[in-house]
Amino acid sequence: MNGTELPLRREQRLGHRETPADRAAADAAWHVLEAANELGDEAAVAACRRVIDASLNGACADRADLKLVTEYFR
């Protein structure tokens, strides 16, 4: 690296698919997953797993699943 190059953030590196928004959704999904497991809320557990899987695979999660995750504690 010469003096004119700037180091790339993790989000900017080649092959890195996860954006900060995806990371936040996955983090929220883990918290909701824990609560949903304790409450026996199978629909929420399934939605959380889909959001987490999408994040790990670099895919976009379904809007309905994201909405459930973001509004679960409201």
N, C-alpha and C. Protein backbone atom coordinates (compact mmCIF):
# COMPACT_ATOMS: atom_id res chain seq x y z
N MET A 1 0.86 -1.17 0.00
CA MET A 1 0.00 0.00 0.00
C MET A 1 0.90 1.22 0.00
N ASN A 2 0.64 2.14 -0.94
CA ASN A 2 1.43 3.37 -0.95
C ASN A 2 0.73 4.43 -0.12
N GLY A 3 1.33 5.58 0.03
CA GLY A 3 0.81 6.61 0.91
C GLY A 3 -0.49 7.24 0.46
N THR A 4 -0.91 7.05 -0.79
CA THR A 4 -2.12 7.70 -1.28
C THR A 4 -3.36 6.83 -1.13
N GLU A 5 -3.18 5.54 -0.83
CA GLU A 5 -4.32 4.64 -0.69
C GLU A 5 -4.88 4.70 0.73
N LEU A 6 -6.18 4.64 0.81
CA LEU A 6 -6.85 4.61 2.11
C LEU A 6 -7.29 3.19 2.39
N PRO A 7 -7.16 2.72 3.61
CA PRO A 7 -7.63 1.36 3.90
C PRO A 7 -9.15 1.30 3.77
N LEU A 8 -9.63 0.19 3.25
CA LEU A 8 -11.06 0.01 3.07
C LEU A 8 -11.70 -0.50 4.34
N ARG A 9 -12.88 0.01 4.61
CA ARG A 9 -13.67 -0.54 5.71
C ARG A 9 -14.13 -1.93 5.32
N ARG A 10 -14.52 -2.69 6.30
CA ARG A 10 -14.95 -4.06 6.03
C ARG A 10 -16.09 -4.11 5.02
N GLU A 11 -17.00 -3.13 5.09
CA GLU A 11 -18.15 -3.12 4.20
C GLU A 11 -17.76 -2.84 2.75
N GLN A 12 -16.58 -2.26 2.54
CA GLN A 12 -16.16 -1.87 1.20
C GLN A 12 -15.28 -2.91 0.52
N ARG A 13 -14.82 -3.90 1.24
CA ARG A 13 -13.92 -4.89 0.66
C ARG A 13 -14.67 -5.78 -0.32
N LEU A 14 -13.94 -6.26 -1.32
CA LEU A 14 -14.53 -7.17 -2.29
C LEU A 14 -15.03 -8.43 -1.60
N GLY A 15 -16.18 -8.88 -2.01
CA GLY A 15 -16.74 -10.10 -1.48
C GLY A 15 -17.49 -9.92 -0.17
N HIS A 16 -17.51 -8.72 0.37
CA HIS A 16 -18.23 -8.51 1.63
C HIS A 16 -19.63 -8.04 1.29
N ARG A 17 -20.63 -8.82 1.66
CA ARG A 17 -22.02 -8.54 1.27
C ARG A 17 -22.84 -7.87 2.36
N GLU A 18 -22.47 -8.04 3.59
CA GLU A 18 -23.31 -7.57 4.68
C GLU A 18 -23.15 -6.07 4.89
N THR A 19 -24.26 -5.36 4.91
CA THR A 19 -24.24 -3.92 5.17
C THR A 19 -24.57 -3.69 6.64
N PRO A 20 -24.30 -2.49 7.14
CA PRO A 20 -24.65 -2.23 8.55
C PRO A 20 -26.12 -2.44 8.86
N ALA A 21 -27.01 -2.16 7.91
CA ALA A 21 -28.44 -2.38 8.13
C ALA A 21 -28.74 -3.87 8.29
N ASP A 22 -28.07 -4.72 7.47
CA ASP A 22 -28.25 -6.16 7.59
C ASP A 22 -27.76 -6.65 8.94
N ARG A 23 -26.65 -6.10 9.37
CA ARG A 23 -26.07 -6.48 10.66
C ARG A 23 -27.02 -6.11 11.81
N ALA A 24 -27.60 -4.94 11.74
CA ALA A 24 -28.54 -4.51 12.78
C ALA A 24 -29.77 -5.41 12.81
N ALA A 25 -30.27 -5.77 11.64
CA ALA A 25 -31.44 -6.64 11.57
C ALA A 25 -31.11 -8.02 12.15
N ALA A 26 -29.94 -8.54 11.83
CA ALA A 26 -29.55 -9.85 12.35
C ALA A 26 -29.35 -9.79 13.86
N ASP A 27 -28.75 -8.72 14.36
CA ASP A 27 -28.57 -8.57 15.81
C ASP A 27 -29.92 -8.50 16.52
N ALA A 28 -30.84 -7.74 15.96
CA ALA A 28 -32.19 -7.64 16.54
C ALA A 28 -32.88 -9.00 16.48
N ALA A 29 -32.70 -9.71 15.39
CA ALA A 29 -33.34 -11.02 15.24
C ALA A 29 -32.85 -12.00 16.30
N TRP A 30 -31.56 -11.92 16.66
CA TRP A 30 -31.06 -12.80 17.73
C TRP A 30 -31.75 -12.50 19.06
N HIS A 31 -31.95 -11.22 19.36
CA HIS A 31 -32.62 -10.85 20.61
C HIS A 31 -34.08 -11.29 20.61
N VAL A 32 -34.74 -11.06 19.50
CA VAL A 32 -36.15 -11.47 19.39
C VAL A 32 -36.26 -12.99 19.43
N LEU A 33 -35.32 -13.68 18.80
CA LEU A 33 -35.33 -15.14 18.79
C LEU A 33 -35.28 -15.69 20.22
N GLU A 34 -34.43 -15.11 21.04
CA GLU A 34 -34.33 -15.55 22.43
C GLU A 34 -35.66 -15.36 23.17
N ALA A 35 -36.26 -14.18 23.01
CA ALA A 35 -37.53 -13.91 23.67
C ALA A 35 -38.64 -14.80 23.13
N ALA A 36 -38.69 -14.95 21.82
CA ALA A 36 -39.74 -15.77 21.19
C ALA A 36 -39.62 -17.23 21.62
N ASN A 37 -38.40 -17.72 21.75
CA ASN A 37 -38.20 -19.09 22.24
C ASN A 37 -38.77 -19.26 23.64
N GLU A 38 -38.49 -18.30 24.51
CA GLU A 38 -38.98 -18.36 25.89
C GLU A 38 -40.50 -18.30 25.97
N LEU A 39 -41.10 -17.53 25.04
CA LEU A 39 -42.55 -17.37 25.04
C LEU A 39 -43.27 -18.46 24.23
N GLY A 40 -42.52 -19.28 23.51
CA GLY A 40 -43.14 -20.31 22.69
C GLY A 40 -43.81 -19.77 21.44
N ASP A 41 -43.34 -18.63 20.96
CA ASP A 41 -43.91 -17.97 19.78
C ASP A 41 -43.23 -18.53 18.52
N GLU A 42 -43.79 -19.61 18.01
CA GLU A 42 -43.19 -20.33 16.88
C GLU A 42 -43.10 -19.51 15.60
N ALA A 43 -44.11 -18.67 15.34
CA ALA A 43 -44.09 -17.84 14.13
C ALA A 43 -42.93 -16.84 14.19
N ALA A 44 -42.72 -16.25 15.35
CA ALA A 44 -41.62 -15.29 15.51
C ALA A 44 -40.28 -15.99 15.42
N VAL A 45 -40.18 -17.18 15.99
CA VAL A 45 -38.94 -17.95 15.92
C VAL A 45 -38.59 -18.23 14.46
N ALA A 46 -39.57 -18.65 13.69
CA ALA A 46 -39.33 -18.95 12.27
C ALA A 46 -38.91 -17.69 11.51
N ALA A 47 -39.55 -16.58 11.77
CA ALA A 47 -39.20 -15.33 11.09
C ALA A 47 -37.78 -14.90 11.45
N CYS A 48 -37.42 -15.02 12.72
CA CYS A 48 -36.07 -14.66 13.16
C CYS A 48 -35.03 -15.53 12.48
N ARG A 49 -35.30 -16.80 12.40
CA ARG A 49 -34.36 -17.71 11.74
C ARG A 49 -34.18 -17.36 10.27
N ARG A 50 -35.26 -16.96 9.61
CA ARG A 50 -35.15 -16.56 8.20
C ARG A 50 -34.32 -15.29 8.05
N VAL A 51 -34.52 -14.32 8.96
CA VAL A 51 -33.73 -13.07 8.91
C VAL A 51 -32.26 -13.37 9.15
N ILE A 52 -31.97 -14.19 10.13
CA ILE A 52 -30.58 -14.54 10.45
C ILE A 52 -29.95 -15.30 9.29
N ASP A 53 -30.66 -16.27 8.73
CA ASP A 53 -30.14 -17.02 7.59
C ASP A 53 -29.86 -16.12 6.40
N ALA A 54 -30.78 -15.20 6.12
CA ALA A 54 -30.57 -14.27 5.00
C ALA A 54 -29.33 -13.43 5.23
N SER A 55 -29.14 -12.97 6.45
CA SER A 55 -27.97 -12.16 6.77
C SER A 55 -26.68 -12.96 6.58
N LEU A 56 -26.68 -14.19 7.03
CA LEU A 56 -25.49 -15.03 6.90
C LEU A 56 -25.18 -15.38 5.46
N ASN A 57 -26.22 -15.48 4.63
CA ASN A 57 -26.05 -15.85 3.22
C ASN A 57 -25.89 -14.65 2.30
N GLY A 58 -25.95 -13.44 2.85
CA GLY A 58 -25.81 -12.25 2.03
C GLY A 58 -27.04 -11.92 1.22
N ALA A 59 -28.17 -12.47 1.60
CA ALA A 59 -29.42 -12.23 0.88
C ALA A 59 -30.24 -11.18 1.62
N CYS A 60 -31.28 -10.72 0.97
CA CYS A 60 -32.21 -9.77 1.60
C CYS A 60 -33.30 -10.56 2.31
N ALA A 61 -33.58 -10.16 3.53
CA ALA A 61 -34.65 -10.81 4.28
C ALA A 61 -36.00 -10.29 3.81
N ASP A 62 -37.01 -11.10 3.99
CA ASP A 62 -38.38 -10.73 3.63
C ASP A 62 -38.84 -9.54 4.47
N ARG A 63 -39.57 -8.63 3.85
CA ARG A 63 -40.04 -7.43 4.56
C ARG A 63 -40.93 -7.76 5.74
N ALA A 64 -41.78 -8.74 5.59
CA ALA A 64 -42.68 -9.12 6.67
C ALA A 64 -41.89 -9.64 7.87
N ASP A 65 -40.85 -10.42 7.60
CA ASP A 65 -40.00 -10.94 8.68
C ASP A 65 -39.27 -9.80 9.37
N LEU A 66 -38.74 -8.86 8.59
CA LEU A 66 -38.05 -7.71 9.17
C LEU A 66 -38.99 -6.86 10.01
N LYS A 67 -40.21 -6.70 9.54
CA LYS A 67 -41.19 -5.92 10.30
C LYS A 67 -41.51 -6.59 11.62
N LEU A 68 -41.69 -7.90 11.60
CA LEU A 68 -41.97 -8.63 12.83
C LEU A 68 -40.81 -8.46 13.82
N VAL A 69 -39.58 -8.57 13.34
CA VAL A 69 -38.41 -8.45 14.20
C VAL A 69 -38.32 -7.04 14.79
N THR A 70 -38.49 -6.04 13.96
CA THR A 70 -38.31 -4.66 14.44
C THR A 70 -39.44 -4.21 15.37
N GLU A 71 -40.62 -4.80 15.24
CA GLU A 71 -41.76 -4.37 16.05
C GLU A 71 -42.12 -5.37 17.15
N TYR A 72 -41.31 -6.35 17.37
CA TYR A 72 -41.66 -7.42 18.31
C TYR A 72 -41.85 -6.93 19.74
N PHE A 73 -41.00 -6.02 20.20
CA PHE A 73 -41.08 -5.56 21.58
C PHE A 73 -41.95 -4.33 21.76
N ARG A 74 -42.59 -3.88 20.73
CA ARG A 74 -43.47 -2.69 20.82
C ARG A 74 -44.85 -3.05 21.27
